[in-house]
């Protein structure tokens, strides 16, 4: 006699097992993605700050003083050569603020998450022409994420 089974699909336990495995993989992927985005934005912020400093140094090299000493609300205000695209907002949605004296320039970026600010401060010692290493100060809460944000400041010669 032939053994006939009436198997028409997968059991509920098997399906739950598959869903559990997919869930674990998805959670791991999301955590990795969030870390990658944070690292990308931190690197992009560091690159923009260094580009700002380089452009300002170029202006300083032929003027021997920083242009129009004082505080500027936007990055492009008389500092950056035409054609150099530096946004007024940083990759985290905060703003850049520039303050000069006759021999130094301080670049501040606000709205930086605590982890990113700490990383920027730690790496600032490797940047050229740094007078004062980068510092982080409390800056409130992000409206987008609700997490604590800080202001990163660095002074260049």
Protein backbone atom coordinates (compact mmCIF):
# COMPACT_ATOMS: atom_id res chain seq x y z
CA UNK A 1 0.00 0.00 0.00
CA UNK A 2 1.22 3.49 -0.82
CA UNK A 3 1.75 6.02 2.01
CA UNK A 4 -0.19 9.14 1.11
CA UNK A 5 0.43 12.28 3.10
CA UNK A 6 -1.71 15.31 2.99
CA UNK A 7 1.07 17.94 3.20
CA UNK A 8 -0.17 21.18 1.70
CA UNK A 9 2.21 23.80 3.10
CA UNK A 10 4.34 24.85 6.01
CA UNK A 11 3.34 24.74 9.60
CA UNK A 12 2.78 27.87 11.66
CA UNK A 13 5.84 27.08 13.79
CA UNK A 14 8.06 26.95 10.72
CA UNK A 15 6.73 30.28 9.48
CA UNK A 16 7.29 31.89 12.89
CA UNK A 17 10.86 30.60 12.87
CA UNK A 18 11.51 32.14 9.47
CA UNK A 19 10.00 35.46 10.58
CA UNK A 20 12.14 35.46 13.73
CA UNK A 21 15.30 34.95 11.68
CA UNK A 22 14.31 37.76 9.29
CA UNK A 23 13.63 40.03 12.28
CA UNK A 24 17.06 39.42 13.80
CA UNK A 25 18.75 40.14 10.47
CA UNK A 26 16.70 43.32 9.99
CA UNK A 27 17.56 44.67 13.46
CA UNK A 28 21.26 44.08 12.82
CA UNK A 29 21.06 45.76 9.43
CA UNK A 30 19.28 48.83 10.83
CA UNK A 31 21.84 49.25 13.61
CA UNK A 32 24.68 49.00 11.12
CA UNK A 33 22.96 51.46 8.78
CA UNK A 34 22.49 54.03 11.55
CA UNK A 35 26.17 53.80 12.50
CA UNK A 36 27.22 54.13 8.86
CA UNK A 37 25.08 57.25 8.40
CA UNK A 38 26.51 58.81 11.60
CA UNK A 39 30.06 58.11 10.41
CA UNK A 40 29.30 59.51 6.95
CA UNK A 41 27.82 62.74 8.34
CA UNK A 42 30.69 63.14 10.81
CA UNK A 43 33.27 62.75 8.05
CA UNK A 44 31.35 65.13 5.81
CA UNK A 45 31.22 67.74 8.60
CA UNK A 46 34.98 67.41 9.17
CA UNK A 47 35.62 67.80 5.43
CA UNK A 48 33.43 70.92 5.25
CA UNK A 49 35.15 72.51 8.26
CA UNK A 50 38.58 71.79 6.77
CA UNK A 51 37.49 73.20 3.39
CA UNK A 52 36.20 76.32 5.13
CA UNK A 53 39.51 76.74 6.94
CA UNK A 54 41.53 76.15 3.76
CA UNK A 55 39.53 78.73 1.81
CA UNK A 56 39.86 81.28 4.58
CA UNK A 57 43.61 80.63 4.85
CA UNK A 58 43.90 81.25 1.12
CA UNK A 59 42.22 84.63 1.57
CA UNK A 60 44.47 85.33 4.57
CA UNK A 61 47.63 84.48 2.60
CA UNK A 62 47.21 87.44 0.29
CA UNK A 63 45.38 89.85 2.64
CA UNK A 64 47.52 89.08 5.76
CA UNK A 65 44.40 89.53 7.85
CA UNK A 66 41.07 87.84 7.99
CA UNK A 67 38.48 89.75 5.99
CA UNK A 68 36.00 91.94 7.85
CA UNK A 69 36.80 90.82 11.37
CA UNK A 70 33.73 89.90 13.39
CA UNK A 71 30.95 87.35 13.41
CA UNK A 72 29.24 86.06 10.31
CA UNK A 73 25.85 84.43 10.16
CA UNK A 74 26.43 82.65 6.87
CA UNK A 75 29.46 80.81 5.61
CA UNK A 76 29.67 82.59 2.26
CA UNK A 77 29.74 86.12 3.75
CA UNK A 78 33.03 87.52 2.36
CA UNK A 79 35.05 84.48 3.32
CA UNK A 80 34.77 81.88 0.61
CA UNK A 81 35.90 82.32 -2.99
CA UNK A 82 33.23 82.23 -5.66
CA UNK A 83 32.60 78.74 -6.95
CA UNK A 84 33.43 76.97 -3.68
CA UNK A 85 30.26 75.37 -2.44
CA UNK A 86 30.04 75.19 1.33
CA UNK A 87 26.49 75.04 2.65
CA UNK A 88 25.40 77.19 5.56
CA UNK A 89 23.96 74.10 7.25
CA UNK A 90 26.05 71.14 8.31
CA UNK A 91 25.17 67.51 7.48
CA UNK A 92 23.32 67.17 10.80
CA UNK A 93 21.01 70.09 10.02
CA UNK A 94 22.75 72.62 12.27
CA UNK A 95 24.49 75.78 11.13
CA UNK A 96 28.08 76.93 10.77
CA UNK A 97 29.18 80.14 12.45
CA UNK A 98 32.51 81.85 11.83
CA UNK A 99 34.19 84.28 14.20
CA UNK A 100 37.51 85.98 13.45
CA UNK A 101 40.18 88.03 15.13
CA UNK A 102 43.14 89.58 13.32
CA UNK A 103 45.07 86.30 13.52
CA UNK A 104 42.63 83.44 14.21
CA UNK A 105 39.37 82.06 12.99
CA UNK A 106 36.93 79.98 14.99
CA UNK A 107 34.50 77.72 13.16
CA UNK A 108 31.48 76.44 15.10
CA UNK A 109 28.99 73.83 13.98
CA UNK A 110 25.86 73.40 16.07
CA UNK A 111 23.33 70.58 16.15
CA UNK A 112 26.01 67.87 16.24
CA UNK A 113 25.07 64.62 18.04
CA UNK A 114 27.22 63.90 21.10
CA UNK A 115 28.98 60.88 19.55
CA UNK A 116 29.85 62.80 16.39
CA UNK A 117 31.04 65.85 18.34
CA UNK A 118 33.32 63.72 20.48
CA UNK A 119 34.77 62.09 17.37
CA UNK A 120 35.35 65.47 15.69
CA UNK A 121 37.10 66.79 18.81
CA UNK A 122 39.33 63.71 19.02
CA UNK A 123 40.34 63.95 15.35
CA UNK A 124 40.88 67.73 15.36
CA UNK A 125 44.45 67.35 16.57
CA UNK A 126 45.35 65.87 13.19
CA UNK A 127 44.10 68.90 11.24
CA UNK A 128 46.63 71.48 10.01
CA UNK A 129 46.89 75.01 11.50
CA UNK A 130 44.81 74.19 14.59
CA UNK A 131 45.44 76.60 17.44
CA UNK A 132 42.91 75.17 19.89
CA UNK A 133 41.68 71.59 19.63
CA UNK A 134 38.02 71.13 18.92
CA UNK A 135 35.66 71.36 21.86
CA UNK A 136 32.08 70.26 22.43
CA UNK A 137 29.56 72.22 24.47
CA UNK A 138 25.97 71.39 25.30
CA UNK A 139 23.59 72.61 22.66
CA UNK A 140 20.13 71.39 23.63
CA UNK A 141 17.95 68.78 21.96
CA UNK A 142 17.49 67.96 18.29
CA UNK A 143 14.01 68.77 17.01
CA UNK A 144 14.24 65.92 14.48
CA UNK A 145 15.50 63.08 16.67
CA UNK A 146 14.93 64.32 20.20
CA UNK A 147 18.50 63.41 21.17
CA UNK A 148 21.05 65.67 22.84
CA UNK A 149 23.11 67.78 20.47
CA UNK A 150 26.23 69.84 21.00
CA UNK A 151 28.15 72.67 19.40
CA UNK A 152 31.58 71.81 18.02
CA UNK A 153 34.10 74.67 17.93
CA UNK A 154 37.66 74.76 16.63
CA UNK A 155 40.12 77.64 16.33
CA UNK A 156 42.66 77.87 13.51
CA UNK A 157 45.71 80.15 13.26
